């Protein structure tokens, strides 16, 4: 499911980039001086040359230098599990922690100060702390967001911008027995469950990036970039729970909502390089 979502959003990004490409090319053609009218009688080889010319222009647009970067990200997500923990407490299960280490990859392109980006993240599962209860609980999640933003400040490689995005998230809850003493215990029947819920999410954030040895002409290409992101994830539309692959409709309201802070490390110019590889 998550792979399908990732592929769908990647296709949306490709479509948006291609739409921007054709729009820019159309404006460029309109700004050029009017050329002499050609004869209406044109042979097929001439039409093919025109098509090749359009492909050449498209290739040149993709190769045009613009600020972009691909990066890895890491930080903390503070997930709101209040409702979920109250539900677990009713069954005498230990509460979930609400602070999770998060890591992922992403990238963005800046065209005329407008920003288009994609991020994929995973909240790492924490090793359950053994308690005196019969069961342990743990959770982890993953999400993908398509971001839009606007460059508010740019000077000497420092760029500051707000971001707003949307995407999909998945939360998994594991409940396992707390009486396993050795590896041989796996041969015995063990009670446990894995529950999954998915949701449509909204991302609101502020970001700041710095390109080392930034060159205005090269638009930061191949320059090391570091940055920071702070924001909040909102689980706008939540799905029902699935427990051990069985749909249940009475589960608590839960998702990946909560604030986060992340550090970014990457290279300038590599977002479009990856796009070129995908297109070719």
C-alpha atoms as a PDB file:
ATOM      1  CA  UNK A   1       0.000   0.000   0.000  1.00  0.00           C
ATOM      2  CA  UNK A   2       2.696   2.441   1.044  1.00  0.00           C
ATOM      3  CA  UNK A   3       4.760   1.626  -2.067  1.00  0.00           C
ATOM      4  CA  UNK A   4       1.723   2.390  -4.239  1.00  0.00           C
ATOM      5  CA  UNK A   5       1.264   5.721  -2.479  1.00  0.00           C
ATOM      6  CA  UNK A   6       4.935   6.576  -2.963  1.00  0.00           C
ATOM      7  CA  UNK A   7       4.731   5.719  -6.670  1.00  0.00           C
ATOM      8  CA  UNK A   8       1.571   7.816  -7.093  1.00  0.00           C
ATOM      9  CA  UNK A   9       3.087  10.912  -5.502  1.00  0.00           C
ATOM     10  CA  UNK A  10       6.300  10.468  -7.503  1.00  0.00           C
ATOM     11  CA  UNK A  11       4.171  10.422 -10.651  1.00  0.00           C
ATOM     12  CA  UNK A  12       2.425  13.624  -9.514  1.00  0.00           C
ATOM     13  CA  UNK A  13       5.800  15.331  -9.095  1.00  0.00           C
ATOM     14  CA  UNK A  14       6.885  14.265 -12.576  1.00  0.00           C
ATOM     15  CA  UNK A  15       3.622  15.571 -13.992  1.00  0.00           C
ATOM     16  CA  UNK A  16       3.980  18.931 -12.232  1.00  0.00           C
ATOM     17  CA  UNK A  17       7.554  19.322 -13.469  1.00  0.00           C
ATOM     18  CA  UNK A  18       6.548  18.484 -17.023  1.00  0.00           C
ATOM     19  CA  UNK A  19       3.634  20.917 -16.811  1.00  0.00           C
ATOM     20  CA  UNK A  20       5.999  23.668 -15.663  1.00  0.00           C
ATOM     21  CA  UNK A  21       8.317  22.742 -18.503  1.00  0.00           C
ATOM     22  CA  UNK A  22       5.728  23.090 -21.228  1.00  0.00           C
ATOM     23  CA  UNK A  23       4.318  26.279 -19.699  1.00  0.00           C
ATOM     24  CA  UNK A  24       7.756  27.903 -19.624  1.00  0.00           C
ATOM     25  CA  UNK A  25       8.478  26.838 -23.169  1.00  0.00           C
ATOM     26  CA  UNK A  26       5.180  28.276 -24.332  1.00  0.00           C
ATOM     27  CA  UNK A  27       5.927  31.631 -22.716  1.00  0.00           C
ATOM     28  CA  UNK A  28       9.387  31.642 -24.217  1.00  0.00           C
ATOM     29  CA  UNK A  29       7.952  31.152 -27.664  1.00  0.00           C
ATOM     30  CA  UNK A  30       5.499  33.997 -27.162  1.00  0.00           C
ATOM     31  CA  UNK A  31       8.231  36.397 -26.110  1.00  0.00           C
ATOM     32  CA  UNK A  32      10.365  35.734 -29.167  1.00  0.00           C
ATOM     33  CA  UNK A  33       9.990  38.027 -32.208  1.00  0.00           C
ATOM     34  CA  UNK A  34       7.491  36.771 -34.710  1.00  0.00           C
ATOM     35  CA  UNK A  35       9.137  34.620 -37.316  1.00  0.00           C
ATOM     36  CA  UNK A  36       8.362  34.686 -40.995  1.00  0.00           C
ATOM     37  CA  UNK A  37       5.365  32.606 -41.931  1.00  0.00           C
ATOM     38  CA  UNK A  38       6.255  29.294 -43.466  1.00  0.00           C
ATOM     39  CA  UNK A  39       4.534  27.753 -46.428  1.00  0.00           C
ATOM     40  CA  UNK A  40       1.476  25.708 -45.554  1.00  0.00           C
ATOM     41  CA  UNK A  41       2.766  22.937 -47.716  1.00  0.00           C
ATOM     42  CA  UNK A  42       5.264  21.149 -45.492  1.00  0.00           C
ATOM     43  CA  UNK A  43       6.621  17.685 -45.921  1.00  0.00           C
ATOM     44  CA  UNK A  44       6.670  15.063 -43.173  1.00  0.00           C
ATOM     45  CA  UNK A  45      10.461  15.329 -42.617  1.00  0.00           C
ATOM     46  CA  UNK A  46       9.953  18.997 -41.653  1.00  0.00           C
ATOM     47  CA  UNK A  47       7.308  18.006 -39.065  1.00  0.00           C
ATOM     48  CA  UNK A  48       9.712  15.502 -37.586  1.00  0.00           C
ATOM     49  CA  UNK A  49      12.378  18.194 -37.342  1.00  0.00           C
ATOM     50  CA  UNK A  50       9.943  20.420 -35.436  1.00  0.00           C
ATOM     51  CA  UNK A  51       9.183  17.574 -32.991  1.00  0.00           C
ATOM     52  CA  UNK A  52      12.881  16.985 -32.469  1.00  0.00           C
ATOM     53  CA  UNK A  53      13.298  20.718 -31.883  1.00  0.00           C
ATOM     54  CA  UNK A  54      10.659  20.627 -29.140  1.00  0.00           C
ATOM     55  CA  UNK A  55      12.383  17.659 -27.499  1.00  0.00           C
ATOM     56  CA  UNK A  56      15.661  19.576 -27.619  1.00  0.00           C
ATOM     57  CA  UNK A  57      14.031  22.547 -25.897  1.00  0.00           C
ATOM     58  CA  UNK A  58      12.549  20.252 -23.246  1.00  0.00           C
ATOM     59  CA  UNK A  59      15.961  18.722 -22.601  1.00  0.00           C
ATOM     60  CA  UNK A  60      17.513  22.180 -22.306  1.00  0.00           C
ATOM     61  CA  UNK A  61      14.844  23.247 -19.820  1.00  0.00           C
ATOM     62  CA  UNK A  62      15.488  20.210 -17.627  1.00  0.00           C
ATOM     63  CA  UNK A  63      19.217  20.925 -17.819  1.00  0.00           C
ATOM     64  CA  UNK A  64      18.679  24.588 -16.890  1.00  0.00           C
ATOM     65  CA  UNK A  65      20.390  25.535 -13.663  1.00  0.00           C
ATOM     66  CA  UNK A  66      18.043  26.173 -10.766  1.00  0.00           C
ATOM     67  CA  UNK A  67      18.401  25.805  -7.006  1.00  0.00           C
ATOM     68  CA  UNK A  68      17.604  22.239  -5.972  1.00  0.00           C
ATOM     69  CA  UNK A  69      18.921  19.630  -3.569  1.00  0.00           C
ATOM     70  CA  UNK A  70      18.524  16.019  -2.487  1.00  0.00           C
ATOM     71  CA  UNK A  71      19.162  15.113   1.130  1.00  0.00           C
ATOM     72  CA  UNK A  72      18.841  12.794   4.092  1.00  0.00           C
ATOM     73  CA  UNK A  73      16.987  13.889   7.200  1.00  0.00           C
ATOM     74  CA  UNK A  74      16.965  12.885  10.839  1.00  0.00           C
ATOM     75  CA  UNK A  75      15.327  14.139  13.995  1.00  0.00           C
ATOM     76  CA  UNK A  76      12.504  13.663  16.470  1.00  0.00           C
ATOM     77  CA  UNK A  77       8.739  13.361  16.069  1.00  0.00           C
ATOM     78  CA  UNK A  78       6.558  13.929  19.130  1.00  0.00           C
ATOM     79  CA  UNK A  79       3.439  11.883  18.449  1.00  0.00           C
ATOM     80  CA  UNK A  80       0.111  12.551  20.132  1.00  0.00           C
ATOM     81  CA  UNK A  81      -0.915   9.171  21.574  1.00  0.00           C
ATOM     82  CA  UNK A  82      -3.154  10.446  24.386  1.00  0.00           C
ATOM     83  CA  UNK A  83      -6.338   8.832  23.069  1.00  0.00           C
ATOM     84  CA  UNK A  84      -4.533   5.623  22.097  1.00  0.00           C
ATOM     85  CA  UNK A  85      -2.855   5.313  25.506  1.00  0.00           C
ATOM     86  CA  UNK A  86      -6.181   5.759  27.294  1.00  0.00           C
ATOM     87  CA  UNK A  87      -7.570   2.908  25.224  1.00  0.00           C
ATOM     88  CA  UNK A  88      -4.539   0.720  26.046  1.00  0.00           C
ATOM     89  CA  UNK A  89      -4.873   1.514  29.747  1.00  0.00           C
ATOM     90  CA  UNK A  90      -8.394   0.052  29.726  1.00  0.00           C
ATOM     91  CA  UNK A  91      -6.877  -3.307  28.756  1.00  0.00           C
ATOM     92  CA  UNK A  92      -4.095  -2.956  31.349  1.00  0.00           C
ATOM     93  CA  UNK A  93      -1.452  -2.546  28.628  1.00  0.00           C
ATOM     94  CA  UNK A  94       1.592  -0.305  29.210  1.00  0.00           C
ATOM     95  CA  UNK A  95       1.399   3.146  27.549  1.00  0.00           C
ATOM     96  CA  UNK A  96       3.333   4.034  24.406  1.00  0.00           C
ATOM     97  CA  UNK A  97       6.118   6.545  24.433  1.00  0.00           C
ATOM     98  CA  UNK A  98       5.404   9.702  22.428  1.00  0.00           C
ATOM     99  CA  UNK A  99       8.938  10.633  21.314  1.00  0.00           C
ATOM    100  CA  UNK A 100      10.341   8.834  18.264  1.00  0.00           C
ATOM    101  CA  UNK A 101      13.584   9.006  16.321  1.00  0.00           C
ATOM    102  CA  UNK A 102      12.746   9.772  12.679  1.00  0.00           C
ATOM    103  CA  UNK A 103      14.882   9.377   9.579  1.00  0.00           C
ATOM    104  CA  UNK A 104      14.208   9.738   5.875  1.00  0.00           C
ATOM    105  CA  UNK A 105      15.121  11.159   2.479  1.00  0.00           C
ATOM    106  CA  UNK A 106      13.825  14.085   0.477  1.00  0.00           C
ATOM    107  CA  UNK A 107      14.507  16.777  -2.040  1.00  0.00           C
ATOM    108  CA  UNK A 108      13.126  19.980  -3.510  1.00  0.00           C
ATOM    109  CA  UNK A 109      13.377  22.275  -6.505  1.00  0.00           C
ATOM    110  CA  UNK A 110      13.075  26.085  -6.448  1.00  0.00           C
ATOM    111  CA  UNK A 111      11.704  27.756  -9.584  1.00  0.00           C
ATOM    112  CA  UNK A 112      11.046  31.516  -9.460  1.00  0.00           C
ATOM    113  CA  UNK A 113      10.981  31.324  -5.634  1.00  0.00           C
ATOM    114  CA  UNK A 114       8.281  28.635  -5.678  1.00  0.00           C
ATOM    115  CA  UNK A 115       9.276  25.345  -4.028  1.00  0.00           C
ATOM    116  CA  UNK A 116       8.193  21.809  -4.899  1.00  0.00           C
ATOM    117  CA  UNK A 117       9.529  18.924  -2.819  1.00  0.00           C
ATOM    118  CA  UNK A 118       9.033  15.349  -1.680  1.00  0.00           C
ATOM    119  CA  UNK A 119       9.890  13.687   1.640  1.00  0.00           C
ATOM    120  CA  UNK A 120       9.683  10.080   2.869  1.00  0.00           C
ATOM    121  CA  UNK A 121      10.111   9.388   6.597  1.00  0.00           C
ATOM    122  CA  UNK A 122      10.056   6.511   9.059  1.00  0.00           C
ATOM    123  CA  UNK A 123       9.568   6.730  12.810  1.00  0.00           C
ATOM    124  CA  UNK A 124      11.813   4.059  14.304  1.00  0.00           C
ATOM    125  CA  UNK A 125      10.277   1.491  16.612  1.00  0.00           C
ATOM    126  CA  UNK A 126      11.609   1.690  20.131  1.00  0.00           C
ATOM    127  CA  UNK A 127      12.600  -1.477  21.960  1.00  0.00           C
ATOM    128  CA  UNK A 128       9.754  -2.107  24.390  1.00  0.00           C
ATOM    129  CA  UNK A 129      10.756  -1.567  28.004  1.00  0.00           C
ATOM    130  CA  UNK A 130       9.952  -4.675  30.002  1.00  0.00           C
ATOM    131  CA  UNK A 131       7.369  -4.087  32.651  1.00  0.00           C
ATOM    132  CA  UNK A 132       5.632  -6.161  35.283  1.00  0.00           C
ATOM    133  CA  UNK A 133       2.608  -6.378  33.027  1.00  0.00           C
ATOM    134  CA  UNK A 134       1.768  -9.434  30.965  1.00  0.00           C
ATOM    135  CA  UNK A 135       2.268  -7.646  27.641  1.00  0.00           C
ATOM    136  CA  UNK A 136       4.630  -5.171  26.006  1.00  0.00           C
ATOM    137  CA  UNK A 137       3.539  -2.448  23.587  1.00  0.00           C
ATOM    138  CA  UNK A 138       5.473  -0.651  20.865  1.00  0.00           C
ATOM    139  CA  UNK A 139       4.692   1.462  17.821  1.00  0.00           C
ATOM    140  CA  UNK A 140       6.314   2.822  14.701  1.00  0.00           C
ATOM    141  CA  UNK A 141       5.167   4.679  11.617  1.00  0.00           C
ATOM    142  CA  UNK A 142       6.061   5.970   8.180  1.00  0.00           C
ATOM    143  CA  UNK A 143       4.779   8.753   5.995  1.00  0.00           C
ATOM    144  CA  UNK A 144       5.303  10.483   2.665  1.00  0.00           C
ATOM    145  CA  UNK A 145       4.490  14.135   1.898  1.00  0.00           C
ATOM    146  CA  UNK A 146       4.453  16.331  -1.192  1.00  0.00           C
ATOM    147  CA  UNK A 147       5.524  19.821  -0.126  1.00  0.00           C
ATOM    148  CA  UNK A 148       4.896  23.270  -1.589  1.00  0.00           C
ATOM    149  CA  UNK A 149       6.603  26.420  -0.405  1.00  0.00           C
ATOM    150  CA  UNK A 150       7.864  29.897  -1.193  1.00  0.00           C
ATOM    151  CA  UNK A 151      11.376  31.285  -0.767  1.00  0.00           C
ATOM    152  CA  UNK A 152      11.160  34.220   1.648  1.00  0.00           C
ATOM    153  CA  UNK A 153      14.869  34.939   2.119  1.00  0.00           C
ATOM    154  CA  UNK A 154      17.945  34.096   0.084  1.00  0.00           C
ATOM    155  CA  UNK A 155      21.404  35.556   0.600  1.00  0.00           C
ATOM    156  CA  UNK A 156      24.902  34.090   0.243  1.00  0.00           C
ATOM    157  CA  UNK A 157      23.698  30.499   0.280  1.00  0.00           C
ATOM    158  CA  UNK A 158      21.244  30.907   3.168  1.00  0.00           C
ATOM    159  CA  UNK A 159      17.608  30.201   2.251  1.00  0.00           C
ATOM    160  CA  UNK A 160      14.549  30.418   4.492  1.00  0.00           C
ATOM    161  CA  UNK A 161      11.066  29.315   3.505  1.00  0.00           C
ATOM    162  CA  UNK A 162       7.699  28.086   4.815  1.00  0.00           C
ATOM    163  CA  UNK A 163       6.323  24.738   3.639  1.00  0.00           C
ATOM    164  CA  UNK A 164       2.860  23.277   3.370  1.00  0.00           C
ATOM    165  CA  UNK A 165       2.310  19.740   2.193  1.00  0.00           C
ATOM    166  CA  UNK A 166       0.011  16.750   2.068  1.00  0.00           C
ATOM    167  CA  UNK A 167       0.474  13.013   1.931  1.00  0.00           C
ATOM    168  CA  UNK A 168      -0.249   9.689   3.599  1.00  0.00           C
ATOM    169  CA  UNK A 169       0.888   8.106   6.852  1.00  0.00           C
ATOM    170  CA  UNK A 170       0.763   4.694   8.466  1.00  0.00           C
ATOM    171  CA  UNK A 171       0.902   3.830  12.176  1.00  0.00           C
ATOM    172  CA  UNK A 172       1.580   0.289  13.454  1.00  0.00           C
ATOM    173  CA  UNK A 173       0.951  -0.864  17.005  1.00  0.00           C
ATOM    174  CA  UNK A 174       2.450  -4.098  18.339  1.00  0.00           C
ATOM    175  CA  UNK A 175       1.326  -5.926  21.459  1.00  0.00           C
ATOM    176  CA  UNK A 176       3.441  -8.938  22.501  1.00  0.00           C
ATOM    177  CA  UNK A 177       3.663 -11.247  25.475  1.00  0.00           C
ATOM    178  CA  UNK A 178       6.143 -10.336  28.164  1.00  0.00           C
ATOM    179  CA  UNK A 179       7.020 -13.850  29.330  1.00  0.00           C
ATOM    180  CA  UNK A 180       9.598 -14.995  26.767  1.00  0.00           C
ATOM    181  CA  UNK A 181      12.726 -16.137  28.565  1.00  0.00           C
ATOM    182  CA  UNK A 182      14.738 -17.824  25.788  1.00  0.00           C
ATOM    183  CA  UNK A 183      14.856 -18.332  22.026  1.00  0.00           C
ATOM    184  CA  UNK A 184      13.210 -21.717  22.423  1.00  0.00           C
ATOM    185  CA  UNK A 185      10.054 -19.980  23.619  1.00  0.00           C
ATOM    186  CA  UNK A 186       9.213 -19.073  20.011  1.00  0.00           C
ATOM    187  CA  UNK A 187       8.200 -22.710  19.515  1.00  0.00           C
ATOM    188  CA  UNK A 188       5.375 -22.198  21.957  1.00  0.00           C
ATOM    189  CA  UNK A 189       2.116 -20.479  21.174  1.00  0.00           C
ATOM    190  CA  UNK A 190       2.534 -16.779  21.842  1.00  0.00           C
ATOM    191  CA  UNK A 191      -0.290 -14.296  22.075  1.00  0.00           C
ATOM    192  CA  UNK A 192       0.232 -11.010  20.294  1.00  0.00           C
ATOM    193  CA  UNK A 193      -1.123  -8.667  17.665  1.00  0.00           C
ATOM    194  CA  UNK A 194      -0.121  -6.045  15.132  1.00  0.00           C
ATOM    195  CA  UNK A 195      -2.602  -3.265  14.428  1.00  0.00           C
ATOM    196  CA  UNK A 196      -2.419  -0.816  11.514  1.00  0.00           C
ATOM    197  CA  UNK A 197      -4.171   2.453  10.800  1.00  0.00           C
ATOM    198  CA  UNK A 198      -3.586   4.846   7.910  1.00  0.00           C
ATOM    199  CA  UNK A 199      -4.438   8.498   7.457  1.00  0.00           C
ATOM    200  CA  UNK A 200      -4.245  11.461   5.111  1.00  0.00           C
ATOM    201  CA  UNK A 201      -1.780  13.928   6.634  1.00  0.00           C
ATOM    202  CA  UNK A 202      -1.009  17.630   6.349  1.00  0.00           C
ATOM    203  CA  UNK A 203       2.487  19.029   6.896  1.00  0.00           C
ATOM    204  CA  UNK A 204       3.109  22.614   8.080  1.00  0.00           C
ATOM    205  CA  UNK A 205       6.731  23.627   8.543  1.00  0.00           C
ATOM    206  CA  UNK A 206       9.459  26.235   8.332  1.00  0.00           C
ATOM    207  CA  UNK A 207      12.832  25.367   6.804  1.00  0.00           C
ATOM    208  CA  UNK A 208      16.266  26.957   6.559  1.00  0.00           C
ATOM    209  CA  UNK A 209      19.117  25.668   4.377  1.00  0.00           C
ATOM    210  CA  UNK A 210      22.703  26.768   3.933  1.00  0.00           C
ATOM    211  CA  UNK A 211      24.822  25.915   0.884  1.00  0.00           C
ATOM    212  CA  UNK A 212      28.574  25.961   1.539  1.00  0.00           C
ATOM    213  CA  UNK A 213      30.653  27.933  -0.999  1.00  0.00           C
ATOM    214  CA  UNK A 214      27.452  28.929  -2.777  1.00  0.00           C
ATOM    215  CA  UNK A 215      27.912  30.151  -6.341  1.00  0.00           C
ATOM    216  CA  UNK A 216      25.013  32.157  -7.777  1.00  0.00           C
ATOM    217  CA  UNK A 217      25.768  31.097 -11.352  1.00  0.00           C
ATOM    218  CA  UNK A 218      25.951  27.396 -10.496  1.00  0.00           C
ATOM    219  CA  UNK A 219      22.897  27.616  -8.191  1.00  0.00           C
ATOM    220  CA  UNK A 220      24.659  25.603  -5.503  1.00  0.00           C
ATOM    221  CA  UNK A 221      25.269  22.583  -7.721  1.00  0.00           C
ATOM    222  CA  UNK A 222      27.356  19.899  -5.963  1.00  0.00           C
ATOM    223  CA  UNK A 223      27.698  22.127  -2.890  1.00  0.00           C
ATOM    224  CA  UNK A 224      27.257  20.586   0.543  1.00  0.00           C
ATOM    225  CA  UNK A 225      24.009  21.698   2.146  1.00  0.00           C
ATOM    226  CA  UNK A 226      22.873  21.598   5.760  1.00  0.00           C
ATOM    227  CA  UNK A 227      19.517  22.688   7.074  1.00  0.00           C
ATOM    228  CA  UNK A 228      16.886  22.456   9.743  1.00  0.00           C
ATOM    229  CA  UNK A 229      13.119  21.852   9.630  1.00  0.00           C
ATOM    230  CA  UNK A 230      10.573  22.468  12.350  1.00  0.00           C
ATOM    231  CA  UNK A 231       6.886  21.860  11.955  1.00  0.00           C
ATOM    232  CA  UNK A 232       3.847  19.813  12.776  1.00  0.00           C
ATOM    233  CA  UNK A 233       2.075  16.835  11.199  1.00  0.00           C
ATOM    234  CA  UNK A 234      -1.722  16.764  11.297  1.00  0.00           C
ATOM    235  CA  UNK A 235      -3.630  13.542  10.638  1.00  0.00           C
ATOM    236  CA  UNK A 236      -6.594  15.066   8.849  1.00  0.00           C
ATOM    237  CA  UNK A 237      -8.545  12.019   7.661  1.00  0.00           C
ATOM    238  CA  UNK A 238      -8.079   8.763   9.567  1.00  0.00           C
ATOM    239  CA  UNK A 239      -8.897   5.220   8.488  1.00  0.00           C
ATOM    240  CA  UNK A 240     -10.194   2.408  10.706  1.00  0.00           C
ATOM    241  CA  UNK A 241      -7.830  -0.049  12.357  1.00  0.00           C
ATOM    242  CA  UNK A 242      -6.805  -3.419  10.965  1.00  0.00           C
ATOM    243  CA  UNK A 243      -5.839  -5.944  13.670  1.00  0.00           C
ATOM    244  CA  UNK A 244      -3.870  -8.958  12.399  1.00  0.00           C
ATOM    245  CA  UNK A 245      -5.196  -8.095   8.910  1.00  0.00           C
ATOM    246  CA  UNK A 246      -8.802  -8.075  10.159  1.00  0.00           C
ATOM    247  CA  UNK A 247     -10.720  -4.809   9.811  1.00  0.00           C
ATOM    248  CA  UNK A 248     -12.207  -3.397  13.022  1.00  0.00           C
ATOM    249  CA  UNK A 249     -14.351  -0.278  13.286  1.00  0.00           C
ATOM    250  CA  UNK A 250     -14.196   0.424  17.038  1.00  0.00           C
ATOM    251  CA  UNK A 251     -10.516   1.367  17.382  1.00  0.00           C
ATOM    252  CA  UNK A 252      -9.351   4.592  19.039  1.00  0.00           C
ATOM    253  CA  UNK A 253      -8.625   7.697  16.985  1.00  0.00           C
ATOM    254  CA  UNK A 254      -4.844   7.743  16.415  1.00  0.00           C
ATOM    255  CA  UNK A 255      -2.321   8.823  13.818  1.00  0.00           C
ATOM    256  CA  UNK A 256       1.035  10.507  13.320  1.00  0.00           C
ATOM    257  CA  UNK A 257      -0.067  13.933  14.540  1.00  0.00           C
ATOM    258  CA  UNK A 258       2.445  16.002  16.463  1.00  0.00           C
ATOM    259  CA  UNK A 259       5.352  18.444  16.203  1.00  0.00           C
ATOM    260  CA  UNK A 260       8.790  17.546  14.890  1.00  0.00           C
ATOM    261  CA  UNK A 261      12.265  18.917  14.384  1.00  0.00           C
ATOM    262  CA  UNK A 262      14.786  17.578  11.867  1.00  0.00           C
ATOM    263  CA  UNK A 263      18.320  18.196  10.655  1.00  0.00           C
ATOM    264  CA  UNK A 264      19.035  18.036   6.911  1.00  0.00           C
ATOM    265  CA  UNK A 265      22.247  17.021   5.092  1.00  0.00           C
ATOM    266  CA  UNK A 266      22.477  16.949   1.309  1.00  0.00           C
ATOM    267  CA  UNK A 267      23.987  18.052  -1.987  1.00  0.00           C
ATOM    268  CA  UNK A 268      22.848  20.874  -4.221  1.00  0.00           C
ATOM    269  CA  UNK A 269      21.813  20.002  -7.770  1.00  0.00           C
ATOM    270  CA  UNK A 270      21.086  16.354  -7.044  1.00  0.00           C
ATOM    271  CA  UNK A 271      17.287  16.518  -7.015  1.00  0.00           C
ATOM    272  CA  UNK A 272      17.152  17.358 -10.732  1.00  0.00           C
ATOM    273  CA  UNK A 273      19.932  14.900 -11.421  1.00  0.00           C
ATOM    274  CA  UNK A 274      17.785  12.121  -9.970  1.00  0.00           C
ATOM    275  CA  UNK A 275      14.811  13.355 -12.003  1.00  0.00           C
ATOM    276  CA  UNK A 276      16.899  13.261 -15.184  1.00  0.00           C
ATOM    277  CA  UNK A 277      17.927   9.690 -14.389  1.00  0.00           C
ATOM    278  CA  UNK A 278      14.280   8.740 -13.836  1.00  0.00           C
ATOM    279  CA  UNK A 279      13.193  10.334 -17.144  1.00  0.00           C
ATOM    280  CA  UNK A 280      16.017   8.860 -19.241  1.00  0.00           C
END
